[in-house]
PDB file of N, CA and C in Angstrom:
ATOM      1  N   MET A   1     -39.359 179.468-184.040  1.00  0.00           N
ATOM      2  CA  MET A   1     -40.569 179.070-184.170  1.00  0.00           C
ATOM      3  C   MET A   1     -40.661 177.786-184.776  1.00  0.00           C
ATOM      4  N   ASP A   2     -41.316 176.528-184.477  1.00  0.00           N
ATOM      5  CA  ASP A   2     -41.233 175.662-184.798  1.00  0.00           C
ATOM      6  C   ASP A   2     -42.070 175.226-186.155  1.00  0.00           C
ATOM      7  N   LYS A   3     -41.789 174.058-186.692  1.00  0.00           N
ATOM      8  CA  LYS A   3     -42.573 173.927-188.162  1.00  0.00           C
ATOM      9  C   LYS A   3     -44.275 174.140-187.981  1.00  0.00           C
ATOM     10  N   SER A   4     -44.652 173.725-186.920  1.00  0.00           N
ATOM     11  CA  SER A   4     -46.331 173.629-187.103  1.00  0.00           C
ATOM     12  C   SER A   4     -46.521 175.333-186.886  1.00  0.00           C
ATOM     13  N   GLU A   5     -45.977 175.996-186.098  1.00  0.00           N
ATOM     14  CA  GLU A   5     -45.935 177.431-185.807  1.00  0.00           C
ATOM     15  C   GLU A   5     -46.072 178.162-187.353  1.00  0.00           C
ATOM     16  N   GLN A   6     -44.889 177.547-187.893  1.00  0.00           N
ATOM     17  CA  GLN A   6     -44.339 178.503-189.148  1.00  0.00           C
ATOM     18  C   GLN A   6     -45.746 178.376-190.254  1.00  0.00           C
ATOM     19  N   ARG A   7     -46.500 176.797-189.878  1.00  0.00           N
ATOM     20  CA  ARG A   7     -47.586 176.912-190.963  1.00  0.00           C
ATOM     21  C   ARG A   7     -48.420 177.611-190.790  1.00  0.00           C
ATOM     22  N   ILE A   8     -48.869 177.668-189.392  1.00  0.00           N
ATOM     23  CA  ILE A   8     -50.124 178.495-188.952  1.00  0.00           C
ATOM     24  C   ILE A   8     -49.961 180.016-189.092  1.00  0.00           C
ATOM     25  N   HIS A   9     -48.723 180.427-189.554  1.00  0.00           N
ATOM     26  CA  HIS A   9     -48.327 181.797-189.399  1.00  0.00           C
ATOM     27  C   HIS A   9     -47.951 182.010-190.751  1.00  0.00           C
ATOM     28  N   ALA A  10     -48.064 181.180-191.852  1.00  0.00           N
ATOM     29  CA  ALA A  10     -48.416 181.134-193.135  1.00  0.00           C
ATOM     30  C   ALA A  10     -49.566 181.377-193.444  1.00  0.00           C
ATOM     31  N   VAL A  11     -50.610 180.799-192.781  1.00  0.00           N
ATOM     32  CA  VAL A  11     -52.032 180.892-192.972  1.00  0.00           C
ATOM     33  C   VAL A  11     -52.335 182.491-192.682  1.00  0.00           C
ATOM     34  N   LEU A  12     -52.378 182.746-191.296  1.00  0.00           N
ATOM     35  CA  LEU A  12     -52.802 183.470-190.573  1.00  0.00           C
ATOM     36  C   LEU A  12     -51.802 184.920-190.473  1.00  0.00           C
ATOM     37  N   GLY A  13     -50.564 185.117-190.478  1.00  0.00           N
ATOM     38  CA  GLY A  13     -49.772 186.017-190.612  1.00  0.00           C
ATOM     39  C   GLY A  13     -49.594 186.279-189.259  1.00  0.00           C
ATOM     40  N   ASP A  14     -49.337 187.597-188.883  1.00  0.00           N
ATOM     41  CA  ASP A  14     -49.032 187.748-187.383  1.00  0.00           C
ATOM     42  C   ASP A  14     -50.246 187.754-186.606  1.00  0.00           C
ATOM     43  N   ASP A  15     -51.282 188.169-186.979  1.00  0.00           N
ATOM     44  CA  ASP A  15     -52.446 188.011-186.161  1.00  0.00           C
ATOM     45  C   ASP A  15     -53.258 186.437-186.364  1.00  0.00           C
ATOM     46  N   ASN A  16     -52.335 185.693-185.281  1.00  0.00           N
ATOM     47  CA  ASN A  16     -52.647 184.619-185.129  1.00  0.00           C
ATOM     48  C   ASN A  16     -52.873 184.011-183.676  1.00  0.00           C
ATOM     49  N   GLU A  17     -53.789 184.993-183.047  1.00  0.00           N
ATOM     50  CA  GLU A  17     -54.074 184.426-181.590  1.00  0.00           C
ATOM     51  C   GLU A  17     -55.485 183.607-182.014  1.00  0.00           C
ATOM     52  N   ARG A  18     -55.500 183.132-180.628  1.00  0.00           N
ATOM     53  CA  ARG A  18     -56.703 181.753-180.999  1.00  0.00           C
ATOM     54  C   ARG A  18     -57.977 182.548-180.542  1.00  0.00           C
ATOM     55  N   THR A  19     -58.976 182.971-181.566  1.00  0.00           N
ATOM     56  CA  THR A  19     -59.962 183.766-181.663  1.00  0.00           C
ATOM     57  C   THR A  19     -60.939 182.929-182.647  1.00  0.00           C
ATOM     58  N   PRO A  20     -62.414 182.888-182.282  1.00  0.00           N
ATOM     59  CA  PRO A  20     -63.383 182.301-183.366  1.00  0.00           C
ATOM     60  C   PRO A  20     -63.127 182.779-184.660  1.00  0.00           C
ATOM     61  N   GLU A  21     -62.859 184.266-184.880  1.00  0.00           N
ATOM     62  CA  GLU A  21     -62.449 184.640-186.577  1.00  0.00           C
ATOM     63  C   GLU A  21     -61.338 183.898-186.913  1.00  0.00           C
ATOM     64  N   ASN A  22     -60.133 183.732-186.237  1.00  0.00           N
ATOM     65  CA  ASN A  22     -58.772 183.031-186.950  1.00  0.00           C
ATOM     66  C   ASN A  22     -59.061 181.635-186.781  1.00  0.00           C
ATOM     67  N   ALA A  23     -60.095 181.018-186.033  1.00  0.00           N
ATOM     68  CA  ALA A  23     -60.184 179.747-186.249  1.00  0.00           C
ATOM     69  C   ALA A  23     -61.391 179.359-187.539  1.00  0.00           C
ATOM     70  N   ARG A  24     -62.263 180.133-187.684  1.00  0.00           N
ATOM     71  CA  ARG A  24     -62.968 180.650-188.970  1.00  0.00           C
ATOM     72  C   ARG A  24     -61.692 180.664-190.323  1.00  0.00           C
ATOM     73  N   ARG A  25     -60.776 181.497-190.145  1.00  0.00           N
ATOM     74  CA  ARG A  25     -59.962 181.646-190.996  1.00  0.00           C
ATOM     75  C   ARG A  25     -59.243 180.427-191.609  1.00  0.00           C
ATOM     76  N   TYR A  26     -58.718 179.814-190.829  1.00  0.00           N
ATOM     77  CA  TYR A  26     -58.002 178.621-190.697  1.00  0.00           C
ATOM     78  C   TYR A  26     -58.955 177.179-191.301  1.00  0.00           C
ATOM     79  N   LEU A  27     -59.859 177.229-191.001  1.00  0.00           N
ATOM     80  CA  LEU A  27     -61.062 176.183-191.379  1.00  0.00           C
ATOM     81  C   LEU A  27     -61.165 176.708-192.839  1.00  0.00           C
ATOM     82  N   VAL A  28     -61.423 177.706-193.506  1.00  0.00           N
ATOM     83  CA  VAL A  28     -61.722 178.164-194.842  1.00  0.00           C
ATOM     84  C   VAL A  28     -60.374 177.880-195.390  1.00  0.00           C
ATOM     85  N   TYR A  29     -59.304 177.895-195.038  1.00  0.00           N
ATOM     86  CA  TYR A  29     -57.678 177.717-195.831  1.00  0.00           C
ATOM     87  C   TYR A  29     -57.673 175.912-195.626  1.00  0.00           C
ATOM     88  N   LEU A  30     -58.223 175.332-194.458  1.00  0.00           N
ATOM     89  CA  LEU A  30     -57.950 173.747-194.652  1.00  0.00           C
ATOM     90  C   LEU A  30     -59.169 173.076-195.468  1.00  0.00           C
ATOM     91  N   LYS A  31     -60.094 173.567-195.459  1.00  0.00           N
ATOM     92  CA  LYS A  31     -61.225 173.205-196.733  1.00  0.00           C
ATOM     93  C   LYS A  31     -60.443 173.729-198.121  1.00  0.00           C
ATOM     94  N   LYS A  32     -60.042 174.268-198.592  1.00  0.00           N
ATOM     95  CA  LYS A  32     -59.660 174.556-199.611  1.00  0.00           C
ATOM     96  C   LYS A  32     -58.438 174.318-199.988  1.00  0.00           C
ATOM     97  N   HIS A  33     -57.566 173.641-199.475  1.00  0.00           N
ATOM     98  CA  HIS A  33     -56.269 172.912-199.411  1.00  0.00           C
ATOM     99  C   HIS A  33     -55.966 171.554-199.086  1.00  0.00           C
ATOM    100  N   LEU A  34     -56.921 170.745-198.455  1.00  0.00           N
ATOM    101  CA  LEU A  34     -57.132 169.668-198.033  1.00  0.00           C
ATOM    102  C   LEU A  34     -57.898 168.393-199.240  1.00  0.00           C
ATOM    103  N   SER A  35     -57.325 167.501-199.303  1.00  0.00           N
ATOM    104  CA  SER A  35     -58.144 166.741-200.388  1.00  0.00           C
ATOM    105  C   SER A  35     -58.737 165.449-199.330  1.00  0.00           C
ATOM    106  N   LEU A  36     -59.758 165.154-199.398  1.00  0.00           N
ATOM    107  CA  LEU A  36     -60.718 164.110-198.906  1.00  0.00           C
ATOM    108  C   LEU A  36     -60.432 163.093-199.665  1.00  0.00           C
ATOM    109  N   PRO A  37     -60.383 161.633-199.160  1.00  0.00           N
ATOM    110  CA  PRO A  37     -60.379 161.616-197.489  1.00  0.00           C
ATOM    111  C   PRO A  37     -58.830 161.728-197.231  1.00  0.00           C
ATOM    112  N   LEU A  38     -58.367 161.924-195.892  1.00  0.00           N
ATOM    113  CA  LEU A  38     -57.190 161.993-195.451  1.00  0.00           C
ATOM    114  C   LEU A  38     -56.849 160.922-194.369  1.00  0.00           C
ATOM    115  N   ARG A  39     -55.701 160.858-194.122  1.00  0.00           N
ATOM    116  CA  ARG A  39     -55.518 160.403-192.711  1.00  0.00           C
ATOM    117  C   ARG A  39     -54.950 161.321-191.576  1.00  0.00           C
ATOM    118  N   VAL A  40     -55.342 161.071-190.709  1.00  0.00           N
ATOM    119  CA  VAL A  40     -54.901 162.302-189.612  1.00  0.00           C
ATOM    120  C   VAL A  40     -54.088 161.598-188.533  1.00  0.00           C
ATOM    121  N   THR A  41     -52.860 162.216-188.334  1.00  0.00           N
ATOM    122  CA  THR A  41     -51.948 161.578-187.446  1.00  0.00           C
ATOM    123  C   THR A  41     -51.646 162.828-186.018  1.00  0.00           C
ATOM    124  N   GLY A  42     -51.348 162.433-185.183  1.00  0.00           N
ATOM    125  CA  GLY A  42     -51.201 163.132-184.142  1.00  0.00           C
ATOM    126  C   GLY A  42     -49.665 162.829-183.417  1.00  0.00           C
ATOM    127  N   ILE A  43     -48.982 164.269-182.681  1.00  0.00           N
ATOM    128  CA  ILE A  43     -47.927 163.744-182.203  1.00  0.00           C
ATOM    129  C   ILE A  43     -47.507 163.131-180.640  1.00  0.00           C
ATOM    130  N   GLU A  44     -49.063 163.116-180.220  1.00  0.00           N
ATOM    131  CA  GLU A  44     -49.189 162.715-178.631  1.00  0.00           C
ATOM    132  C   GLU A  44     -50.634 162.083-178.658  1.00  0.00           C
ATOM    133  N   ASP A  45     -50.754 161.116-177.833  1.00  0.00           N
ATOM    134  CA  ASP A  45     -51.781 160.439-177.416  1.00  0.00           C
ATOM    135  C   ASP A  45     -52.949 161.566-177.101  1.00  0.00           C
ATOM    136  N   PHE A  46     -54.128 161.219-177.694  1.00  0.00           N
ATOM    137  CA  PHE A  46     -55.143 161.660-177.125  1.00  0.00           C
ATOM    138  C   PHE A  46     -55.725 160.912-175.839  1.00  0.00           C
ATOM    139  N   PRO A  47     -56.409 162.109-174.634  1.00  0.00           N
ATOM    140  CA  PRO A  47     -56.579 161.327-173.377  1.00  0.00           C
ATOM    141  C   PRO A  47     -57.193 159.935-173.141  1.00  0.00           C
ATOM    142  N   TRP A  48     -58.266 159.765-174.575  1.00  0.00           N
ATOM    143  CA  TRP A  48     -58.962 158.749-174.416  1.00  0.00           C
ATOM    144  C   TRP A  48     -58.126 157.059-175.036  1.00  0.00           C
ATOM    145  N   GLU A  49     -56.985 157.525-175.562  1.00  0.00           N
ATOM    146  CA  GLU A  49     -56.273 156.633-176.164  1.00  0.00           C
ATOM    147  C   GLU A  49     -55.427 155.841-174.712  1.00  0.00           C
ATOM    148  N   GLU A  50     -55.202 156.728-173.890  1.00  0.00           N
ATOM    149  CA  GLU A  50     -54.327 156.448-173.034  1.00  0.00           C
ATOM    150  C   GLU A  50     -54.488 154.774-172.457  1.00  0.00           C
ATOM    151  N   PRO A  51     -55.537 154.216-171.937  1.00  0.00           N
ATOM    152  CA  PRO A  51     -55.639 153.270-171.536  1.00  0.00           C
ATOM    153  C   PRO A  51     -55.531 151.918-172.530  1.00  0.00           C
ATOM    154  N   TYR A  52     -55.564 152.452-173.667  1.00  0.00           N
ATOM    155  CA  TYR A  52     -55.492 151.362-175.015  1.00  0.00           C
ATOM    156  C   TYR A  52     -54.063 151.374-175.226  1.00  0.00           C
ATOM    157  N   VAL A  53     -53.129 152.346-174.842  1.00  0.00           N
ATOM    158  CA  VAL A  53     -51.820 152.638-175.464  1.00  0.00           C
ATOM    159  C   VAL A  53     -50.699 152.167-174.180  1.00  0.00           C
ATOM    160  N   LEU A  54     -51.192 152.693-172.939  1.00  0.00           N
ATOM    161  CA  LEU A  54     -50.475 152.156-171.674  1.00  0.00           C
ATOM    162  C   LEU A  54     -50.884 151.206-171.067  1.00  0.00           C
ATOM    163  N   GLY A  55     -51.655 150.480-171.283  1.00  0.00           N
ATOM    164  CA  GLY A  55     -52.742 149.604-170.665  1.00  0.00           C
ATOM    165  C   GLY A  55     -53.472 150.062-169.607  1.00  0.00           C
ATOM    166  N   GLY A  56     -54.126 148.649-169.140  1.00  0.00           N
ATOM    167  CA  GLY A  56     -55.286 148.920-167.968  1.00  0.00           C
ATOM    168  C   GLY A  56     -56.725 148.960-168.683  1.00  0.00           C
ATOM    169  N   TRP A  57     -56.822 148.856-169.843  1.00  0.00           N
ATOM    170  CA  TRP A  57     -58.136 148.929-170.525  1.00  0.00           C
ATOM    171  C   TRP A  57     -58.553 147.580-170.547  1.00  0.00           C
ATOM    172  N   ASP A  58     -59.928 147.477-169.608  1.00  0.00           N
ATOM    173  CA  ASP A  58     -60.887 146.797-169.337  1.00  0.00           C
ATOM    174  C   ASP A  58     -61.801 146.630-171.100  1.00  0.00           C
ATOM    175  N   ARG A  59     -61.519 145.622-171.502  1.00  0.00           N
ATOM    176  CA  ARG A  59     -62.354 145.396-172.435  1.00  0.00           C
ATOM    177  C   ARG A  59     -64.059 145.494-172.556  1.00  0.00           C
ATOM    178  N   THR A  60     -64.496 145.033-171.355  1.00  0.00           N
ATOM    179  CA  THR A  60     -65.827 145.409-170.937  1.00  0.00           C
ATOM    180  C   THR A  60     -66.035 147.022-170.610  1.00  0.00           C
ATOM    181  N   ALA A  61     -65.530 147.491-170.141  1.00  0.00           N
ATOM    182  CA  ALA A  61     -65.503 148.839-169.682  1.00  0.00           C
ATOM    183  C   ALA A  61     -65.240 150.067-170.899  1.00  0.00           C
ATOM    184  N   ARG A  62     -66.272 150.946-170.852  1.00  0.00           N
ATOM    185  CA  ARG A  62     -66.312 151.983-171.953  1.00  0.00           C
ATOM    186  C   ARG A  62     -66.061 153.172-170.977  1.00  0.00           C
ATOM    187  N   PRO A  63     -65.473 154.465-171.693  1.00  0.00           N
ATOM    188  CA  PRO A  63     -65.569 155.762-171.136  1.00  0.00           C
ATOM    189  C   PRO A  63     -66.833 156.007-171.162  1.00  0.00           C
ATOM    190  N   SER A  64     -67.462 156.977-169.874  1.00  0.00           N
ATOM    191  CA  SER A  64     -68.721 157.225-169.474  1.00  0.00           C
ATOM    192  C   SER A  64     -69.441 157.957-170.466  1.00  0.00           C
ATOM    193  N   ARG A  65     -68.768 158.914-171.585  1.00  0.00           N
ATOM    194  CA  ARG A  65     -69.616 159.527-172.210  1.00  0.00           C
ATOM    195  C   ARG A  65     -70.504 158.693-173.386  1.00  0.00           C
ATOM    196  N   TRP A  66     -69.738 157.447-173.389  1.00  0.00           N
ATOM    197  CA  TRP A  66     -69.967 156.369-174.573  1.00  0.00           C
ATOM    198  C   TRP A  66     -71.378 155.509-173.373  1.00  0.00           C
ATOM    199  N   ASN A  67     -71.619 155.482-172.445  1.00  0.00           N
ATOM    200  CA  ASN A  67     -72.571 154.491-171.702  1.00  0.00           C
ATOM    201  C   ASN A  67     -73.860 155.306-171.750  1.00  0.00           C
ATOM    202  N   SER A  68     -74.622 154.270-172.047  1.00  0.00           N
ATOM    203  CA  SER A  68     -76.478 154.528-172.154  1.00  0.00           C
ATOM    204  C   SER A  68     -76.533 154.487-170.365  1.00  0.00           C
ATOM    205  N   ARG A  69     -77.304 155.371-170.299  1.00  0.00           N
ATOM    206  CA  ARG A  69     -77.821 155.209-168.712  1.00  0.00           C
ATOM    207  C   ARG A  69     -78.713 154.081-168.008  1.00  0.00           C
ATOM    208  N   GLY A  70     -78.116 153.637-167.335  1.00  0.00           N
ATOM    209  CA  GLY A  70     -79.071 152.222-166.915  1.00  0.00           C
ATOM    210  C   GLY A  70     -78.427 151.016-167.535  1.00  0.00           C
ATOM    211  N   SER A  71     -77.283 150.858-168.161  1.00  0.00           N
ATOM    212  CA  SER A  71     -76.587 149.846-168.660  1.00  0.00           C
ATOM    213  C   SER A  71     -76.349 148.956-167.750  1.00  0.00           C
ATOM    214  N   GLY A  72     -75.633 149.604-166.435  1.00  0.00           N
ATOM    215  CA  GLY A  72     -75.034 148.728-165.650  1.00  0.00           C
ATOM    216  C   GLY A  72     -73.558 148.201-166.048  1.00  0.00           C
ATOM    217  N   VAL A  73     -72.969 149.168-166.957  1.00  0.00           N
ATOM    218  CA  VAL A  73     -71.708 148.744-167.284  1.00  0.00           C
ATOM    219  C   VAL A  73     -70.288 149.492-166.790  1.00  0.00           C
ATOM    220  N   LEU A  74     -69.866 149.034-165.516  1.00  0.00           N
ATOM    221  CA  LEU A  74     -68.825 149.988-165.004  1.00  0.00           C
ATOM    222  C   LEU A  74     -67.603 150.479-165.669  1.00  0.00           C
ATOM    223  N   THR A  75     -67.668 151.637-165.667  1.00  0.00           N
ATOM    224  CA  THR A  75     -66.792 152.437-166.810  1.00  0.00           C
ATOM    225  C   THR A  75     -65.534 153.059-165.762  1.00  0.00           C
ATOM    226  N   ARG A  76     -64.774 153.561-166.559  1.00  0.00           N
ATOM    227  CA  ARG A  76     -63.596 154.259-165.876  1.00  0.00           C
ATOM    228  C   ARG A  76     -63.959 155.378-164.601  1.00  0.00           C
ATOM    229  N   ASN A  77     -64.928 156.317-165.230  1.00  0.00           N
ATOM    230  CA  ASN A  77     -65.322 157.201-164.548  1.00  0.00           C
ATOM    231  C   ASN A  77     -66.646 157.136-163.390  1.00  0.00           C
ATOM    232  N   HIS A  78     -67.066 156.318-163.565  1.00  0.00           N
ATOM    233  CA  HIS A  78     -68.311 155.954-162.692  1.00  0.00           C
ATOM    234  C   HIS A  78     -69.220 154.823-162.786  1.00  0.00           C
ATOM    235  N   ARG A  79     -70.075 154.427-162.312  1.00  0.00           N
ATOM    236  CA  ARG A  79     -70.514 153.431-161.828  1.00  0.00           C
ATOM    237  C   ARG A  79     -72.111 153.566-162.322  1.00  0.00           C
ATOM    238  N   THR A  80     -72.988 152.910-163.352  1.00  0.00           N
ATOM    239  CA  THR A  80     -74.356 152.973-163.526  1.00  0.00           C
ATOM    240  C   THR A  80     -75.121 151.947-162.350  1.00  0.00           C
ATOM    241  N   THR A  81     -76.118 151.927-162.555  1.00  0.00           N
ATOM    242  CA  THR A  81     -77.233 151.165-161.906  1.00  0.00           C
ATOM    243  C   THR A  81     -77.546 149.845-162.824  1.00  0.00           C
TER     244      THR A  81
END
């Protein structure tokens, strides 16, 4: 068991399947034990970060989910009118 699995096991015990109930239990734990504001880091890039980290990012393009309809902006996923 790696360190992240050990932390989850410490909170949820042996019943640590990915279920809505366990997500709620873990959220309750986090709300009780975290002090806000906090800095969140990750060990891998998020998919939306890849163009910035790996290159190929066009400053005029935005991911389609940020694109407003009819803006005429060319995005990675599609072109609007």
